[in-house]
C-alpha atoms as a PDB file:
ATOM      1  CA  ASP A   1     -14.020   0.242  28.428  1.00  0.00           C
ATOM      2  CA  ASN A   2     -12.506   3.014  30.745  1.00  0.00           C
ATOM      3  CA  ALA A   3      -8.887   2.116  31.957  1.00  0.00           C
ATOM      4  CA  ALA A   4      -5.802   3.819  33.704  1.00  0.00           C
ATOM      5  CA  VAL A   5      -2.781   3.445  31.326  1.00  0.00           C
ATOM      6  CA  LEU A   6       0.879   3.709  32.435  1.00  0.00           C
ATOM      7  CA  PHE A   7       3.830   4.535  30.251  1.00  0.00           C
ATOM      8  CA  LEU A   8       7.272   4.464  31.483  1.00  0.00           C
ATOM      9  CA  ASP A   9      10.844   4.979  29.292  1.00  0.00           C
ATOM     10  CA  ILE A  10      14.213   5.021  30.940  1.00  0.00           C
ATOM     11  CA  VAL A  11      15.882   8.131  30.385  1.00  0.00           C
ATOM     12  CA  GLY A  12      18.937   8.272  28.274  1.00  0.00           C
ATOM     13  CA  PHE A  13      19.113   4.360  27.470  1.00  0.00           C
ATOM     14  CA  THR A  14      20.248   4.948  23.808  1.00  0.00           C
ATOM     15  CA  THR A  15      23.223   6.466  24.673  1.00  0.00           C
ATOM     16  CA  LEU A  16      23.767   3.962  27.869  1.00  0.00           C
ATOM     17  CA  SER A  17      23.469   1.052  25.789  1.00  0.00           C
ATOM     18  CA  ASP A  18      26.171   2.361  22.947  1.00  0.00           C
ATOM     19  CA  GLN A  19      28.503   2.253  25.922  1.00  0.00           C
ATOM     20  CA  LEU A  20      27.611  -1.411  26.818  1.00  0.00           C
ATOM     21  CA  SER A  21      28.066  -4.636  25.569  1.00  0.00           C
ATOM     22  CA  SER A  22      25.003  -6.429  24.040  1.00  0.00           C
ATOM     23  CA  THR A  23      25.107  -8.566  27.186  1.00  0.00           C
ATOM     24  CA  LYS A  24      24.802  -6.069  29.297  1.00  0.00           C
ATOM     25  CA  VAL A  25      22.019  -4.573  27.605  1.00  0.00           C
ATOM     26  CA  VAL A  26      19.880  -7.255  27.696  1.00  0.00           C
ATOM     27  CA  GLN A  27      20.574  -7.851  31.125  1.00  0.00           C
ATOM     28  CA  LEU A  28      20.149  -4.535  32.340  1.00  0.00           C
ATOM     29  CA  LEU A  29      16.455  -4.613  30.418  1.00  0.00           C
ATOM     30  CA  ASP A  30      15.563  -7.971  31.892  1.00  0.00           C
ATOM     31  CA  THR A  31      16.694  -6.545  35.261  1.00  0.00           C
ATOM     32  CA  VAL A  32      14.278  -3.727  34.733  1.00  0.00           C
ATOM     33  CA  PHE A  33      11.523  -4.985  33.258  1.00  0.00           C
ATOM     34  CA  THR A  34      11.479  -7.790  35.441  1.00  0.00           C
ATOM     35  CA  THR A  35      10.981  -5.822  38.503  1.00  0.00           C
ATOM     36  CA  LEU A  36       8.157  -3.574  36.782  1.00  0.00           C
ATOM     37  CA  ASP A  37       6.545  -7.307  36.176  1.00  0.00           C
ATOM     38  CA  GLY A  38       6.262  -7.463  39.721  1.00  0.00           C
ATOM     39  CA  VAL A  39       4.673  -4.033  40.574  1.00  0.00           C
ATOM     40  CA  CYS A  40       2.054  -4.879  37.944  1.00  0.00           C
ATOM     41  CA  LYS A  41       1.218  -8.032  39.750  1.00  0.00           C
ATOM     42  CA  LYS A  42       1.370  -6.573  43.266  1.00  0.00           C
ATOM     43  CA  HIS A  43      -1.138  -3.875  42.209  1.00  0.00           C
ATOM     44  CA  ASP A  44      -3.147  -6.181  39.696  1.00  0.00           C
ATOM     45  CA  VAL A  45      -2.088  -3.906  36.674  1.00  0.00           C
ATOM     46  CA  VAL A  46      -1.724  -5.653  33.238  1.00  0.00           C
ATOM     47  CA  LYS A  47       1.351  -5.595  31.580  1.00  0.00           C
ATOM     48  CA  ILE A  48       0.845  -4.854  27.354  1.00  0.00           C
ATOM     49  CA  LYS A  49       4.261  -4.919  25.793  1.00  0.00           C
ATOM     50  CA  THR A  50       7.652  -3.234  25.987  1.00  0.00           C
ATOM     51  CA  ILE A  51       8.998  -1.487  23.200  1.00  0.00           C
ATOM     52  CA  GLY A  52      12.918  -0.885  23.374  1.00  0.00           C
ATOM     53  CA  ASP A  53      13.434   0.643  26.657  1.00  0.00           C
ATOM     54  CA  SER A  54       9.910   1.589  27.226  1.00  0.00           C
ATOM     55  CA  TYR A  55       7.046  -0.335  29.080  1.00  0.00           C
ATOM     56  CA  MET A  56       3.186  -0.189  28.937  1.00  0.00           C
ATOM     57  CA  ALA A  57       0.556  -1.340  31.279  1.00  0.00           C
ATOM     58  CA  VAL A  58      -2.987  -0.972  31.955  1.00  0.00           C
ATOM     59  CA  ALA A  59      -4.978  -0.992  35.055  1.00  0.00           C
ATOM     60  CA  PHE A  60      -8.746  -2.449  33.791  1.00  0.00           C
ATOM     61  CA  PRO A  61     -11.662  -1.515  36.397  1.00  0.00           C
ATOM     62  CA  HIS A  62     -12.480  -4.932  38.725  1.00  0.00           C
ATOM     63  CA  TYR A  63     -15.644  -6.950  38.088  1.00  0.00           C
ATOM     64  CA  VAL A  64     -17.126  -8.748  40.880  1.00  0.00           C
ATOM     65  CA  ARG A  65     -20.372 -10.493  41.322  1.00  0.00           C
ATOM     66  CA  ASN A  66     -23.066  -9.322  43.227  1.00  0.00           C
ATOM     67  CA  ASP A  67     -23.577 -12.758  45.024  1.00  0.00           C
ATOM     68  CA  ILE A  68     -21.006 -11.695  47.728  1.00  0.00           C
ATOM     69  CA  THR A  69     -18.148 -13.479  45.868  1.00  0.00           C
ATOM     70  CA  SER A  70     -14.960 -12.256  44.350  1.00  0.00           C
ATOM     71  CA  ALA A  71     -15.420 -14.444  41.444  1.00  0.00           C
ATOM     72  CA  PRO A  72     -15.718 -12.652  38.075  1.00  0.00           C
ATOM     73  CA  HIS A  73     -18.773 -12.206  36.261  1.00  0.00           C
ATOM     74  CA  VAL A  74     -18.527 -15.126  33.477  1.00  0.00           C
ATOM     75  CA  GLY A  75     -22.144 -14.444  32.185  1.00  0.00           C
ATOM     76  CA  GLU A  76     -23.958 -16.694  34.283  1.00  0.00           C
ATOM     77  CA  GLU A  77     -27.630 -16.019  33.656  1.00  0.00           C
ATOM     78  CA  GLY A  78     -29.204 -13.790  35.924  1.00  0.00           C
ATOM     79  CA  VAL A  79     -25.814 -12.618  37.892  1.00  0.00           C
ATOM     80  CA  ILE A  80     -24.898  -8.936  37.463  1.00  0.00           C
ATOM     81  CA  PRO A  81     -21.219  -7.894  37.387  1.00  0.00           C
ATOM     82  CA  ASN A  82     -20.679  -4.743  40.291  1.00  0.00           C
ATOM     83  CA  GLU A  83     -17.842  -2.541  38.508  1.00  0.00           C
ATOM     84  CA  VAL A  84     -14.936  -1.168  41.370  1.00  0.00           C
ATOM     85  CA  ARG A  85     -13.496   2.012  39.905  1.00  0.00           C
ATOM     86  CA  ASP A  86     -10.229   1.465  41.595  1.00  0.00           C
ATOM     87  CA  GLU A  87      -8.193   1.336  38.422  1.00  0.00           C
ATOM     88  CA  VAL A  88      -6.614   5.051  39.050  1.00  0.00           C
ATOM     89  CA  TRP A  89      -5.311   4.021  42.134  1.00  0.00           C
ATOM     90  CA  ARG A  90      -4.023   0.767  41.373  1.00  0.00           C
ATOM     91  CA  ALA A  91      -2.024   2.828  38.233  1.00  0.00           C
ATOM     92  CA  ALA A  92      -1.094   5.494  40.484  1.00  0.00           C
ATOM     93  CA  ASN A  93       0.186   3.300  43.447  1.00  0.00           C
ATOM     94  CA  ALA A  94       2.032   1.073  41.038  1.00  0.00           C
ATOM     95  CA  ALA A  95       3.544   3.827  39.089  1.00  0.00           C
ATOM     96  CA  LEU A  96       5.015   5.208  42.745  1.00  0.00           C
ATOM     97  CA  ASP A  97       6.570   1.741  43.601  1.00  0.00           C
ATOM     98  CA  MET A  98       8.080   1.552  40.249  1.00  0.00           C
ATOM     99  CA  LEU A  99       9.551   4.793  40.277  1.00  0.00           C
ATOM    100  CA  GLN A 100      10.949   3.759  43.776  1.00  0.00           C
ATOM    101  CA  ALA A 101      12.315   0.305  42.287  1.00  0.00           C
ATOM    102  CA  VAL A 102      14.247   1.722  39.815  1.00  0.00           C
ATOM    103  CA  SER A 103      15.607   4.436  42.083  1.00  0.00           C
ATOM    104  CA  GLN A 104      17.689   1.859  43.611  1.00  0.00           C
ATOM    105  CA  MET A 105      19.345   0.409  40.694  1.00  0.00           C
ATOM    106  CA  VAL A 106      22.246   1.753  39.255  1.00  0.00           C
ATOM    107  CA  SER A 107      23.419   1.320  35.240  1.00  0.00           C
ATOM    108  CA  PRO A 108      26.172  -0.907  34.244  1.00  0.00           C
ATOM    109  CA  ALA A 109      29.349   0.950  33.593  1.00  0.00           C
ATOM    110  CA  GLY A 110      31.116  -0.449  30.556  1.00  0.00           C
ATOM    111  CA  SER A 111      31.802  -0.061  26.850  1.00  0.00           C
ATOM    112  CA  PRO A 112      30.602  -1.676  23.803  1.00  0.00           C
ATOM    113  CA  ASP A 113      33.458  -3.993  23.977  1.00  0.00           C
ATOM    114  CA  SER A 114      33.481  -5.109  27.040  1.00  0.00           C
ATOM    115  CA  SER A 115      32.236  -8.100  28.763  1.00  0.00           C
ATOM    116  CA  PRO A 116      31.886  -9.235  32.293  1.00  0.00           C
ATOM    117  CA  ASP A 117      34.806 -11.807  31.674  1.00  0.00           C
ATOM    118  CA  SER A 118      37.124  -9.551  29.610  1.00  0.00           C
ATOM    119  CA  SER A 119      39.276  -8.036  32.434  1.00  0.00           C
ATOM    120  CA  PRO A 120      41.628 -10.100  34.101  1.00  0.00           C
ATOM    121  CA  ASP A 121      40.943  -8.785  37.573  1.00  0.00           C
ATOM    122  CA  SER A 122      37.043 -10.057  37.019  1.00  0.00           C
ATOM    123  CA  SER A 123      35.831 -12.488  39.572  1.00  0.00           C
ATOM    124  CA  PRO A 124      32.623 -14.150  40.390  1.00  0.00           C
ATOM    125  CA  ASP A 125      31.994 -11.791  43.112  1.00  0.00           C
ATOM    126  CA  SER A 126      32.732  -8.424  40.637  1.00  0.00           C
ATOM    127  CA  SER A 127      29.767  -6.385  39.806  1.00  0.00           C
ATOM    128  CA  PRO A 128      29.393  -3.354  37.327  1.00  0.00           C
ATOM    129  CA  ASP A 129      27.268  -2.097  39.772  1.00  0.00           C
ATOM    130  CA  SER A 130      30.341  -1.427  41.893  1.00  0.00           C
ATOM    131  CA  SER A 131      32.137   0.407  39.208  1.00  0.00           C
ATOM    132  CA  PRO A 132      32.589   4.008  39.906  1.00  0.00           C
ATOM    133  CA  GLU A 133      31.329   4.652  36.490  1.00  0.00           C
ATOM    134  CA  SER A 134      28.282   3.664  37.294  1.00  0.00           C
ATOM    135  CA  SER A 135      25.050   5.598  38.225  1.00  0.00           C
ATOM    136  CA  PRO A 136      21.244   5.674  38.859  1.00  0.00           C
ATOM    137  CA  LEU A 137      19.038   4.761  36.658  1.00  0.00           C
ATOM    138  CA  GLN A 138      16.357   7.170  35.874  1.00  0.00           C
ATOM    139  CA  VAL A 139      13.158   6.621  34.635  1.00  0.00           C
ATOM    140  CA  ARG A 140       9.853   8.899  33.348  1.00  0.00           C
ATOM    141  CA  ILE A 141       6.283   8.056  33.712  1.00  0.00           C
ATOM    142  CA  GLY A 142       3.194   8.921  32.482  1.00  0.00           C
ATOM    143  CA  LEU A 143      -0.416   8.053  33.299  1.00  0.00           C
ATOM    144  CA  HIS A 144      -3.674   8.607  31.731  1.00  0.00           C
ATOM    145  CA  CYS A 145      -7.511   7.542  32.186  1.00  0.00           C
ATOM    146  CA  GLY A 146     -10.322   6.941  29.684  1.00  0.00           C
ATOM    147  CA  PRO A 147     -12.026   4.792  27.241  1.00  0.00           C
ATOM    148  CA  ILE A 148      -9.699   2.264  25.284  1.00  0.00           C
ATOM    149  CA  THR A 149     -10.158  -0.451  22.896  1.00  0.00           C
ATOM    150  CA  ALA A 150      -8.160  -3.868  23.635  1.00  0.00           C
ATOM    151  CA  GLY A 151      -8.147  -7.225  22.274  1.00  0.00           C
ATOM    152  CA  VAL A 152      -5.366  -9.880  20.287  1.00  0.00           C
ATOM    153  CA  ILE A 153      -4.913  -9.307  16.314  1.00  0.00           C
ATOM    154  CA  GLY A 154      -3.306 -10.746  13.827  1.00  0.00           C
ATOM    155  CA  THR A 155      -2.260 -14.397  12.825  1.00  0.00           C
ATOM    156  CA  GLU A 156       1.588 -14.527  13.645  1.00  0.00           C
ATOM    157  CA  ARG A 157       3.129 -13.671  16.857  1.00  0.00           C
ATOM    158  CA  MET A 158      -0.264 -12.891  18.521  1.00  0.00           C
ATOM    159  CA  GLN A 159      -0.155 -10.251  21.294  1.00  0.00           C
ATOM    160  CA  TYR A 160      -3.090  -8.776  23.527  1.00  0.00           C
ATOM    161  CA  ASP A 161      -2.663  -4.651  22.783  1.00  0.00           C
ATOM    162  CA  ALA A 162      -4.604  -1.469  23.661  1.00  0.00           C
ATOM    163  CA  TRP A 163      -5.478   1.283  21.378  1.00  0.00           C
ATOM    164  CA  GLY A 164      -7.220   4.988  21.365  1.00  0.00           C
ATOM    165  CA  ASP A 165      -6.968   8.548  22.085  1.00  0.00           C
ATOM    166  CA  THR A 166      -6.316   7.877  25.883  1.00  0.00           C
ATOM    167  CA  VAL A 167      -3.460   5.450  24.876  1.00  0.00           C
ATOM    168  CA  ASN A 168      -1.635   8.343  23.023  1.00  0.00           C
ATOM    169  CA  ILE A 169      -2.299  10.833  25.808  1.00  0.00           C
ATOM    170  CA  ALA A 170      -0.867   8.668  28.444  1.00  0.00           C
ATOM    171  CA  SER A 171       2.230   8.306  26.237  1.00  0.00           C
ATOM    172  CA  ARG A 172       2.560  12.365  25.648  1.00  0.00           C
ATOM    173  CA  MET A 173       2.524  12.279  29.393  1.00  0.00           C
ATOM    174  CA  GLU A 174       5.184   9.926  29.466  1.00  0.00           C
ATOM    175  CA  SER A 175       7.336  11.939  26.843  1.00  0.00           C
ATOM    176  CA  THR A 176       6.807  15.130  28.116  1.00  0.00           C
ATOM    177  CA  GLY A 177       7.884  14.297  31.435  1.00  0.00           C
ATOM    178  CA  GLU A 178      10.849  14.741  33.272  1.00  0.00           C
ATOM    179  CA  PRO A 179      13.313  12.243  34.625  1.00  0.00           C
ATOM    180  CA  GLY A 180      12.485  10.531  38.179  1.00  0.00           C
ATOM    181  CA  LYS A 181       8.737  11.817  38.095  1.00  0.00           C
ATOM    182  CA  ILE A 182       5.400  10.745  37.510  1.00  0.00           C
ATOM    183  CA  HIS A 183       3.292  13.006  34.967  1.00  0.00           C
ATOM    184  CA  VAL A 184      -0.406  12.576  34.825  1.00  0.00           C
ATOM    185  CA  SER A 185      -3.099  14.171  33.245  1.00  0.00           C
ATOM    186  CA  GLU A 186      -6.194  16.698  34.690  1.00  0.00           C
ATOM    187  CA  ALA A 187      -8.376  13.432  33.554  1.00  0.00           C
ATOM    188  CA  PHE A 188      -6.308  11.150  35.899  1.00  0.00           C
ATOM    189  CA  THR A 189      -5.846  13.883  38.482  1.00  0.00           C
ATOM    190  CA  ASN A 190      -9.396  14.421  38.820  1.00  0.00           C
ATOM    191  CA  ALA A 191     -10.537  10.579  38.974  1.00  0.00           C
ATOM    192  CA  LEU A 192      -7.820  10.202  41.705  1.00  0.00           C
ATOM    193  CA  LYS A 193      -9.850  13.020  43.750  1.00  0.00           C
ATOM    194  CA  THR A 194     -13.373  11.407  42.881  1.00  0.00           C
ATOM    195  CA  SER A 195     -12.607   8.059  43.565  1.00  0.00           C
ATOM    196  CA  PRO A 196     -14.483   6.414  46.480  1.00  0.00           C
ATOM    197  CA  HIS A 197     -10.960   4.418  47.381  1.00  0.00           C
ATOM    198  CA  GLY A 198      -9.342   7.806  48.335  1.00  0.00           C
ATOM    199  CA  ARG A 199     -10.016  11.234  49.867  1.00  0.00           C
ATOM    200  CA  VAL A 200      -8.319  14.716  48.470  1.00  0.00           C
ATOM    201  CA  THR A 201      -7.511  17.738  51.301  1.00  0.00           C
ATOM    202  CA  GLU A 202      -6.654  20.601  49.750  1.00  0.00           C
ATOM    203  CA  THR A 203      -3.653  21.982  51.382  1.00  0.00           C
ATOM    204  CA  SER A 204      -3.537  26.286  51.869  1.00  0.00           C
ATOM    205  CA  PRO A 205      -2.119  28.821  49.362  1.00  0.00           C
ATOM    206  CA  PRO A 206       0.726  29.378  47.671  1.00  0.00           C
ATOM    207  CA  GLY A 207       0.983  25.902  46.950  1.00  0.00           C
ATOM    208  CA  PRO A 208      -0.726  23.902  44.297  1.00  0.00           C
ATOM    209  CA  LEU A 209      -0.419  20.631  46.335  1.00  0.00           C
ATOM    210  CA  SER A 210      -3.374  17.883  46.953  1.00  0.00           C
ATOM    211  CA  SER A 211      -2.543  15.459  49.349  1.00  0.00           C
ATOM    212  CA  VAL A 212      -4.433  12.226  48.539  1.00  0.00           C
ATOM    213  CA  ARG A 213      -4.678   9.167  50.530  1.00  0.00           C
ATOM    214  CA  GLY A 214      -6.468   5.677  50.273  1.00  0.00           C
ATOM    215  CA  GLY A 215      -9.636   5.544  52.158  1.00  0.00           C
ATOM    216  CA  THR A 216      -9.685   3.562  55.833  1.00  0.00           C
ATOM    217  CA  SER A 217     -11.658   0.850  53.823  1.00  0.00           C
ATOM    218  CA  SER A 218      -9.206   1.077  50.153  1.00  0.00           C
ATOM    219  CA  PRO A 219      -7.165  -2.304  49.889  1.00  0.00           C
ATOM    220  CA  PHE A 220      -4.774   0.624  48.110  1.00  0.00           C
ATOM    221  CA  PRO A 221      -3.931   3.159  50.953  1.00  0.00           C
ATOM    222  CA  VAL A 222      -0.625   4.254  49.679  1.00  0.00           C
ATOM    223  CA  PRO A 223      -0.410   7.821  50.457  1.00  0.00           C
ATOM    224  CA  CYS A 224       0.248  10.347  47.147  1.00  0.00           C
ATOM    225  CA  SER A 225       0.592  13.962  46.255  1.00  0.00           C
ATOM    226  CA  LEU A 226      -0.504  15.566  43.358  1.00  0.00           C
ATOM    227  CA  ARG A 227       1.388  19.120  41.920  1.00  0.00           C
ATOM    228  CA  GLU A 228       0.054  21.173  39.722  1.00  0.00           C
ATOM    229  CA  ARG A 229       2.623  21.631  36.830  1.00  0.00           C
ATOM    230  CA  GLY A 230       0.458  23.972  34.679  1.00  0.00           C
ATOM    231  CA  ALA A 231      -0.560  24.720  30.903  1.00  0.00           C
ATOM    232  CA  LEU A 232       1.757  22.551  28.771  1.00  0.00           C
ATOM    233  CA  GLU A 233       1.087  22.250  25.489  1.00  0.00           C
ATOM    234  CA  ILE A 234       0.567  18.360  24.202  1.00  0.00           C
ATOM    235  CA  LYS A 235       1.142  17.389  20.160  1.00  0.00           C
ATOM    236  CA  GLY A 236      -2.267  17.297  18.842  1.00  0.00           C
ATOM    237  CA  LYS A 237      -4.132  18.042  22.115  1.00  0.00           C
ATOM    238  CA  GLY A 238      -3.060  21.565  22.223  1.00  0.00           C
ATOM    239  CA  LEU A 239      -2.382  22.853  25.994  1.00  0.00           C
ATOM    240  CA  MET A 240      -3.478  20.927  28.791  1.00  0.00           C
ATOM    241  CA  THR A 241      -3.202  20.961  32.300  1.00  0.00           C
ATOM    242  CA  THR A 242      -0.908  18.625  34.012  1.00  0.00           C
ATOM    243  CA  TYR A 243       0.241  16.888  36.963  1.00  0.00           C
ATOM    244  CA  TRP A 244       2.984  15.531  38.958  1.00  0.00           C
ATOM    245  CA  LEU A 245       1.971  12.688  41.202  1.00  0.00           C
ATOM    246  CA  GLU A 246       4.747  12.415  44.305  1.00  0.00           C
ATOM    247  CA  SER A 247       4.956  10.422  46.924  1.00  0.00           C
ATOM    248  CA  PRO A 248       4.517  12.894  50.468  1.00  0.00           C
ATOM    249  CA  LEU A 249       8.374  11.990  51.080  1.00  0.00           C
ATOM    250  CA  SER A 250       9.750  13.344  47.685  1.00  0.00           C
END
């Protein structure tokens, strides 16, 4: 089925984890991933998995019954599901929310041997986030859309997962992106432009900027912009034209 795939990675996490105690590393990942879980729930995006400091999620198309109800199609005889192609908008808005949420976090300062109770000056009110050595967290986010295969496999520690070229390209969008930015493919950009849940207004030259806003009837009215990055060499795919997905306030 067609879907929108999102990858997120914490910038500089390997270096940061070397400077922190194992407890602080776990606390940091828990804080970040719990926040991302909340964003996924808000935009009806499915969290697939985390790998180290990377986070993967998928926005699937919505299916509703054609009898004016919002109940999903579960195979009733004679009931044909209507497909609502809003997955790119949900993924885009989730990415924007994730970027904003993480930008408000700071990395805890410390060393591999430090712990919250190791200092004689520590107190219940002290926070590693208030240390002058703390710095804002940054992430890279990549988005792509297209056909994927998803399901549960194996017999031990079974897990729902997704595979396919679409997943690989979304991962490449993240890895070739830049800190604090959302990197999207041309396919994702075109899907946003043609989605019935939004409208696109091209700006005048010279700026290659497209303003994308949710339509008046769209349940996802968060405005965003698309700025062309240009042709980029993507491993296994050759040259691809890619874009930056931004908030108008960026």
